[in-house]
Amino acid sequence: MRIVESSTGVVRSNSKVLTQVFLGLVVFLMLPIDSMLRVNLQGQIATPLRQLLSSDVVKVFLAFVLYLMVATNNAMLVILYLCLLKKLGVY
């Protein structure tokens, strides 16, 4: 349990930065950049991330990160994390 406690402390101390990063990524993936600018910028960024996150080992790690975020009692961070995973097609 010492690993969980120390990891929760790290997430709690960096929650503002994590919230800003998740919010930026979610907004970026929601904007119609590809269709408006006729470029494949979002696809070039999202496709490698989807491939990276499709591994079973990574999914276990993502579930552990979700547990850590829930343990910090930061609802905004959890919601943005789940939205980001949804936009990337992880679940």
N, C-alpha and C. Protein backbone atom coordinates (compact mmCIF):
# COMPACT_ATOMS: atom_id res chain seq x y z
N MET A 1 0.81 -1.19 0.00
CA MET A 1 0.00 0.00 0.00
C MET A 1 0.86 1.26 0.00
N ARG A 2 2.11 1.11 0.29
CA ARG A 2 3.00 2.27 0.31
C ARG A 2 3.13 2.87 -1.08
N ILE A 3 3.10 2.02 -2.11
CA ILE A 3 3.19 2.51 -3.49
C ILE A 3 1.96 3.34 -3.83
N VAL A 4 0.79 2.87 -3.42
CA VAL A 4 -0.45 3.59 -3.71
C VAL A 4 -0.47 4.93 -3.00
N GLU A 5 -0.05 4.96 -1.75
CA GLU A 5 -0.05 6.21 -0.98
C GLU A 5 0.91 7.23 -1.58
N SER A 6 2.10 6.79 -1.94
CA SER A 6 3.07 7.73 -2.51
C SER A 6 2.63 8.18 -3.91
N SER A 7 2.04 7.27 -4.68
CA SER A 7 1.56 7.63 -6.02
C SER A 7 0.38 8.58 -5.94
N THR A 8 -0.49 8.39 -4.97
CA THR A 8 -1.62 9.29 -4.78
C THR A 8 -1.12 10.69 -4.41
N GLY A 9 -0.08 10.75 -3.62
CA GLY A 9 0.51 12.04 -3.27
C GLY A 9 1.08 12.76 -4.48
N VAL A 10 1.70 12.00 -5.37
CA VAL A 10 2.25 12.60 -6.60
C VAL A 10 1.12 13.14 -7.47
N VAL A 11 0.05 12.36 -7.63
CA VAL A 11 -1.09 12.81 -8.44
C VAL A 11 -1.74 14.03 -7.79
N ARG A 12 -1.89 14.01 -6.48
CA ARG A 12 -2.51 15.14 -5.78
C ARG A 12 -1.68 16.41 -5.93
N SER A 13 -0.37 16.30 -5.82
CA SER A 13 0.48 17.49 -5.91
C SER A 13 0.56 18.04 -7.34
N ASN A 14 0.34 17.19 -8.33
CA ASN A 14 0.39 17.63 -9.72
C ASN A 14 -0.98 17.71 -10.37
N SER A 15 -2.03 17.78 -9.58
CA SER A 15 -3.39 17.72 -10.13
C SER A 15 -3.71 18.91 -11.02
N LYS A 16 -3.21 20.10 -10.71
CA LYS A 16 -3.49 21.27 -11.54
C LYS A 16 -2.86 21.12 -12.92
N VAL A 17 -1.64 20.64 -12.96
CA VAL A 17 -0.96 20.44 -14.24
C VAL A 17 -1.66 19.35 -15.05
N LEU A 18 -2.01 18.24 -14.39
CA LEU A 18 -2.70 17.16 -15.07
C LEU A 18 -4.05 17.61 -15.61
N THR A 19 -4.77 18.41 -14.85
CA THR A 19 -6.06 18.93 -15.30
C THR A 19 -5.90 19.79 -16.53
N GLN A 20 -4.89 20.65 -16.55
CA GLN A 20 -4.66 21.50 -17.71
C GLN A 20 -4.26 20.69 -18.94
N VAL A 21 -3.41 19.69 -18.75
CA VAL A 21 -2.98 18.86 -19.88
C VAL A 21 -4.16 18.06 -20.43
N PHE A 22 -4.94 17.44 -19.56
CA PHE A 22 -6.10 16.66 -20.02
C PHE A 22 -7.11 17.55 -20.70
N LEU A 23 -7.36 18.74 -20.15
CA LEU A 23 -8.32 19.67 -20.75
C LEU A 23 -7.83 20.11 -22.13
N GLY A 24 -6.56 20.42 -22.25
CA GLY A 24 -6.01 20.82 -23.55
C GLY A 24 -6.13 19.72 -24.58
N LEU A 25 -5.84 18.49 -24.19
CA LEU A 25 -5.94 17.37 -25.13
C LEU A 25 -7.39 17.09 -25.54
N VAL A 26 -8.30 17.14 -24.58
CA VAL A 26 -9.72 16.90 -24.90
C VAL A 26 -10.25 17.97 -25.84
N VAL A 27 -9.94 19.23 -25.56
CA VAL A 27 -10.40 20.32 -26.43
C VAL A 27 -9.78 20.18 -27.81
N PHE A 28 -8.49 19.86 -27.87
CA PHE A 28 -7.83 19.67 -29.16
C PHE A 28 -8.48 18.57 -29.97
N LEU A 29 -8.82 17.46 -29.32
CA LEU A 29 -9.43 16.34 -30.04
C LEU A 29 -10.88 16.60 -30.40
N MET A 30 -11.54 17.53 -29.72
CA MET A 30 -12.94 17.84 -30.02
C MET A 30 -13.08 18.86 -31.15
N LEU A 31 -12.10 19.71 -31.34
CA LEU A 31 -12.19 20.73 -32.37
C LEU A 31 -12.15 20.10 -33.77
N PRO A 32 -12.87 20.67 -34.73
CA PRO A 32 -12.88 20.11 -36.10
C PRO A 32 -11.69 20.59 -36.93
N ILE A 33 -10.50 20.41 -36.41
CA ILE A 33 -9.29 20.89 -37.09
C ILE A 33 -9.08 20.17 -38.41
N ASP A 34 -9.25 18.86 -38.41
CA ASP A 34 -9.00 18.08 -39.64
C ASP A 34 -9.92 18.50 -40.77
N SER A 35 -11.19 18.69 -40.50
CA SER A 35 -12.13 19.02 -41.57
C SER A 35 -12.03 20.49 -41.99
N MET A 36 -11.75 21.39 -41.06
CA MET A 36 -11.68 22.81 -41.40
C MET A 36 -10.39 23.17 -42.14
N LEU A 37 -9.30 22.63 -41.71
CA LEU A 37 -8.01 22.97 -42.32
C LEU A 37 -7.59 21.99 -43.39
N ARG A 38 -8.36 20.94 -43.56
CA ARG A 38 -8.08 19.89 -44.55
C ARG A 38 -6.68 19.27 -44.36
N VAL A 39 -6.37 19.04 -43.12
CA VAL A 39 -5.13 18.35 -42.76
C VAL A 39 -5.49 17.19 -41.85
N ASN A 40 -4.56 16.30 -41.65
CA ASN A 40 -4.81 15.12 -40.81
C ASN A 40 -4.01 15.24 -39.52
N LEU A 41 -4.01 16.41 -38.93
CA LEU A 41 -3.21 16.66 -37.73
C LEU A 41 -3.70 15.85 -36.54
N GLN A 42 -5.00 15.87 -36.28
CA GLN A 42 -5.54 15.12 -35.14
C GLN A 42 -5.35 13.62 -35.34
N GLY A 43 -5.53 13.15 -36.55
CA GLY A 43 -5.34 11.73 -36.83
C GLY A 43 -3.90 11.30 -36.63
N GLN A 44 -2.97 12.18 -37.01
CA GLN A 44 -1.55 11.85 -36.84
C GLN A 44 -1.15 11.82 -35.37
N ILE A 45 -1.85 12.54 -34.54
CA ILE A 45 -1.55 12.53 -33.12
C ILE A 45 -2.31 11.41 -32.40
N ALA A 46 -3.60 11.22 -32.75
CA ALA A 46 -4.43 10.26 -32.04
C ALA A 46 -4.12 8.81 -32.40
N THR A 47 -3.77 8.54 -33.66
CA THR A 47 -3.54 7.15 -34.08
C THR A 47 -2.38 6.49 -33.32
N PRO A 48 -1.21 7.11 -33.20
CA PRO A 48 -0.15 6.46 -32.41
C PRO A 48 -0.52 6.30 -30.94
N LEU A 49 -1.26 7.27 -30.39
CA LEU A 49 -1.70 7.14 -29.00
C LEU A 49 -2.65 5.97 -28.83
N ARG A 50 -3.57 5.79 -29.78
CA ARG A 50 -4.49 4.65 -29.72
C ARG A 50 -3.74 3.33 -29.79
N GLN A 51 -2.74 3.26 -30.67
CA GLN A 51 -1.96 2.03 -30.78
C GLN A 51 -1.18 1.76 -29.50
N LEU A 52 -0.64 2.80 -28.91
CA LEU A 52 0.12 2.65 -27.67
C LEU A 52 -0.78 2.20 -26.53
N LEU A 53 -1.99 2.73 -26.46
CA LEU A 53 -2.90 2.44 -25.36
C LEU A 53 -3.70 1.15 -25.55
N SER A 54 -3.54 0.48 -26.67
CA SER A 54 -4.32 -0.73 -26.93
C SER A 54 -3.74 -1.98 -26.26
N SER A 55 -2.55 -1.91 -25.75
CA SER A 55 -1.91 -3.06 -25.10
C SER A 55 -2.60 -3.37 -23.78
N ASP A 56 -2.67 -4.65 -23.43
CA ASP A 56 -3.30 -5.06 -22.18
C ASP A 56 -2.53 -4.56 -20.95
N VAL A 57 -1.22 -4.53 -21.04
CA VAL A 57 -0.40 -4.06 -19.93
C VAL A 57 -0.67 -2.58 -19.70
N VAL A 58 -0.78 -1.82 -20.77
CA VAL A 58 -1.05 -0.39 -20.65
C VAL A 58 -2.45 -0.16 -20.09
N LYS A 59 -3.41 -0.99 -20.46
CA LYS A 59 -4.77 -0.84 -19.93
C LYS A 59 -4.81 -1.09 -18.42
N VAL A 60 -4.00 -2.01 -17.94
CA VAL A 60 -3.90 -2.23 -16.50
C VAL A 60 -3.31 -0.99 -15.83
N PHE A 61 -2.28 -0.42 -16.45
CA PHE A 61 -1.69 0.81 -15.92
C PHE A 61 -2.69 1.96 -15.92
N LEU A 62 -3.49 2.09 -16.99
CA LEU A 62 -4.51 3.13 -17.07
C LEU A 62 -5.57 2.96 -15.98
N ALA A 63 -5.92 1.73 -15.68
CA ALA A 63 -6.87 1.47 -14.60
C ALA A 63 -6.27 1.85 -13.26
N PHE A 64 -4.99 1.59 -13.06
CA PHE A 64 -4.32 1.98 -11.82
C PHE A 64 -4.28 3.50 -11.69
N VAL A 65 -4.00 4.19 -12.80
CA VAL A 65 -3.99 5.65 -12.78
C VAL A 65 -5.38 6.18 -12.46
N LEU A 66 -6.42 5.55 -13.01
CA LEU A 66 -7.79 5.96 -12.68
C LEU A 66 -8.06 5.78 -11.18
N TYR A 67 -7.61 4.69 -10.62
CA TYR A 67 -7.77 4.46 -9.19
C TYR A 67 -7.07 5.55 -8.38
N LEU A 68 -5.87 5.92 -8.79
CA LEU A 68 -5.14 6.97 -8.08
C LEU A 68 -5.88 8.30 -8.14
N MET A 69 -6.45 8.60 -9.31
CA MET A 69 -7.18 9.86 -9.46
C MET A 69 -8.45 9.88 -8.62
N VAL A 70 -9.12 8.75 -8.55
CA VAL A 70 -10.31 8.67 -7.70
C VAL A 70 -9.91 8.81 -6.24
N ALA A 71 -8.78 8.26 -5.87
CA ALA A 71 -8.32 8.33 -4.48
C ALA A 71 -7.95 9.75 -4.06
N THR A 72 -7.66 10.62 -5.02
CA THR A 72 -7.32 12.00 -4.68
C THR A 72 -8.57 12.86 -4.47
N ASN A 73 -9.74 12.34 -4.76
CA ASN A 73 -11.02 13.05 -4.61
C ASN A 73 -11.10 14.31 -5.46
N ASN A 74 -10.51 14.28 -6.65
CA ASN A 74 -10.56 15.40 -7.58
C ASN A 74 -11.48 14.99 -8.74
N ALA A 75 -12.74 15.39 -8.67
CA ALA A 75 -13.73 14.96 -9.66
C ALA A 75 -13.41 15.48 -11.05
N MET A 76 -12.94 16.71 -11.15
CA MET A 76 -12.62 17.29 -12.46
C MET A 76 -11.53 16.49 -13.16
N LEU A 77 -10.53 16.09 -12.41
CA LEU A 77 -9.43 15.31 -12.97
C LEU A 77 -9.93 13.96 -13.48
N VAL A 78 -10.78 13.31 -12.72
CA VAL A 78 -11.32 12.01 -13.14
C VAL A 78 -12.18 12.16 -14.38
N ILE A 79 -13.02 13.18 -14.42
CA ILE A 79 -13.90 13.38 -15.57
C ILE A 79 -13.09 13.66 -16.83
N LEU A 80 -12.09 14.53 -16.73
CA LEU A 80 -11.26 14.83 -17.89
C LEU A 80 -10.46 13.61 -18.34
N TYR A 81 -9.99 12.82 -17.40
CA TYR A 81 -9.25 11.60 -17.74
C TYR A 81 -10.14 10.62 -18.50
N LEU A 82 -11.37 10.44 -18.01
CA LEU A 82 -12.29 9.54 -18.69
C LEU A 82 -12.70 10.08 -20.06
N CYS A 83 -12.89 11.38 -20.17
CA CYS A 83 -13.21 11.99 -21.47
C CYS A 83 -12.05 11.79 -22.45
N LEU A 84 -10.84 11.96 -21.99
CA LEU A 84 -9.68 11.76 -22.85
C LEU A 84 -9.58 10.32 -23.32
N LEU A 85 -9.79 9.38 -22.42
CA LEU A 85 -9.74 7.97 -22.81
C LEU A 85 -10.86 7.65 -23.79
N LYS A 86 -12.02 8.26 -23.62
CA LYS A 86 -13.15 8.05 -24.54
C LYS A 86 -12.83 8.62 -25.92
N LYS A 87 -12.27 9.83 -25.97
CA LYS A 87 -11.93 10.45 -27.25
C LYS A 87 -10.85 9.66 -27.98
N LEU A 88 -9.98 9.02 -27.23
CA LEU A 88 -8.92 8.21 -27.85
C LEU A 88 -9.40 6.81 -28.20
N GLY A 89 -10.61 6.46 -27.78
CA GLY A 89 -11.17 5.16 -28.12
C GLY A 89 -10.61 4.01 -27.32
N VAL A 90 -10.18 4.27 -26.10
CA VAL A 90 -9.62 3.21 -25.27
C VAL A 90 -10.73 2.32 -24.74
N TYR A 91 -11.88 2.89 -24.47
CA TYR A 91 -13.02 2.09 -24.00
C TYR A 91 -14.27 2.57 -24.69
